[in-house]
Amino acid sequence: MTPEEFVKLWQTAQSLDEVAAKMKRTVIDATARASYFRQRGVPLKKFTGKRKSDYSKLAALAEQLNGKPK
C-alpha cells in the first residue's frame, strides 16, 4: 500500500479496525504506520472511542495460563 493509499484509507475509515482489515494487517501495524506519518507532519485524524474487547475470552485465557511456568 502506497503512502497516498494509506492516508486516503485512514482519513475515510470509520474505525481503526476498518483500517487494519482493509490493510490486511493488525491494528498495531496500522497504528504504527499512522504514528510514523504523524511524526513526519501528516495530520492524520485520531480515532475516538474504545475498541471492542471480549473480556470473557481474556479472563478464560488468564485462567488457562494461571500457574503455568513461563
Protein backbone atom coordinates (compact mmCIF):
# COMPACT_ATOMS: atom_id res chain seq x y z
CA MET A 1 0.00 0.00 0.00
CA THR A 2 1.44 3.35 -1.02
CA PRO A 3 1.63 6.22 1.44
CA GLU A 4 -1.09 8.00 -0.52
CA GLU A 5 -3.38 4.96 -0.36
CA PHE A 6 -2.79 4.67 3.37
CA VAL A 7 -3.60 8.32 4.06
CA LYS A 8 -6.78 8.09 1.98
CA LEU A 9 -7.83 4.90 3.75
CA TRP A 10 -7.06 6.31 7.21
CA GLN A 11 -8.88 9.57 6.63
CA THR A 12 -12.00 7.94 5.17
CA ALA A 13 -12.28 4.94 7.53
CA GLN A 14 -14.79 4.88 10.37
CA SER A 15 -12.60 2.89 12.77
CA LEU A 16 -9.13 1.62 13.42
CA ASP A 17 -10.43 -1.93 12.96
CA GLU A 18 -11.62 -0.97 9.47
CA VAL A 19 -8.18 0.38 8.55
CA ALA A 20 -6.45 -2.77 9.77
CA ALA A 21 -8.89 -5.05 7.97
CA LYS A 22 -8.52 -3.22 4.67
CA MET A 23 -4.73 -3.23 5.05
CA LYS A 24 -4.88 -6.95 5.87
CA ARG A 25 -2.65 -6.18 8.84
CA THR A 26 -3.01 -5.92 12.59
CA VAL A 27 -4.34 -2.89 14.44
CA ILE A 28 -0.85 -2.46 15.87
CA ASP A 29 0.62 -2.30 12.35
CA ALA A 30 -1.96 0.28 11.28
CA THR A 31 -1.39 2.38 14.39
CA ALA A 32 2.39 2.24 13.94
CA ARG A 33 2.13 3.39 10.35
CA ALA A 34 -0.15 6.27 11.34
CA SER A 35 2.29 7.25 14.08
CA TYR A 36 5.16 7.20 11.58
CA PHE A 37 3.32 9.62 9.30
CA ARG A 38 2.22 11.87 12.17
CA GLN A 39 5.84 12.17 13.35
CA ARG A 40 6.65 13.48 9.87
CA GLY A 41 3.94 16.13 9.95
CA VAL A 42 1.00 14.35 8.31
CA PRO A 43 -2.10 15.42 10.29
CA LEU A 44 -3.97 12.13 10.37
CA LYS A 45 -7.22 12.04 12.33
CA LYS A 46 -7.38 10.23 15.63
CA PHE A 47 -10.00 7.57 16.15
CA THR A 48 -12.09 8.07 19.26
CA GLY A 49 -13.90 5.53 21.35
CA LYS A 50 -12.73 2.31 22.78
CA ARG A 51 -12.02 -0.79 20.78
CA LYS A 52 -14.28 -3.70 21.47
CA SER A 53 -12.73 -6.32 23.72
CA ASP A 54 -14.13 -9.66 24.70
CA TYR A 55 -13.14 -9.66 28.35
CA SER A 56 -14.65 -13.08 28.94
CA LYS A 57 -12.14 -14.54 26.46
CA LEU A 58 -9.32 -12.66 28.17
CA ALA A 59 -10.46 -13.96 31.56
CA ALA A 60 -10.56 -17.52 30.24
CA LEU A 61 -7.07 -17.14 28.80
CA ALA A 62 -5.75 -15.80 32.11
CA GLU A 63 -7.33 -18.72 33.97
CA GLN A 64 -5.89 -21.19 31.47
CA LEU A 65 -2.40 -19.76 31.92
CA ASN A 66 -2.71 -19.29 35.67
CA GLY A 67 0.03 -21.16 37.46
CA LYS A 68 1.75 -22.45 34.33
CA PRO A 69 5.51 -21.89 34.11
CA LYS A 70 6.79 -19.25 31.70
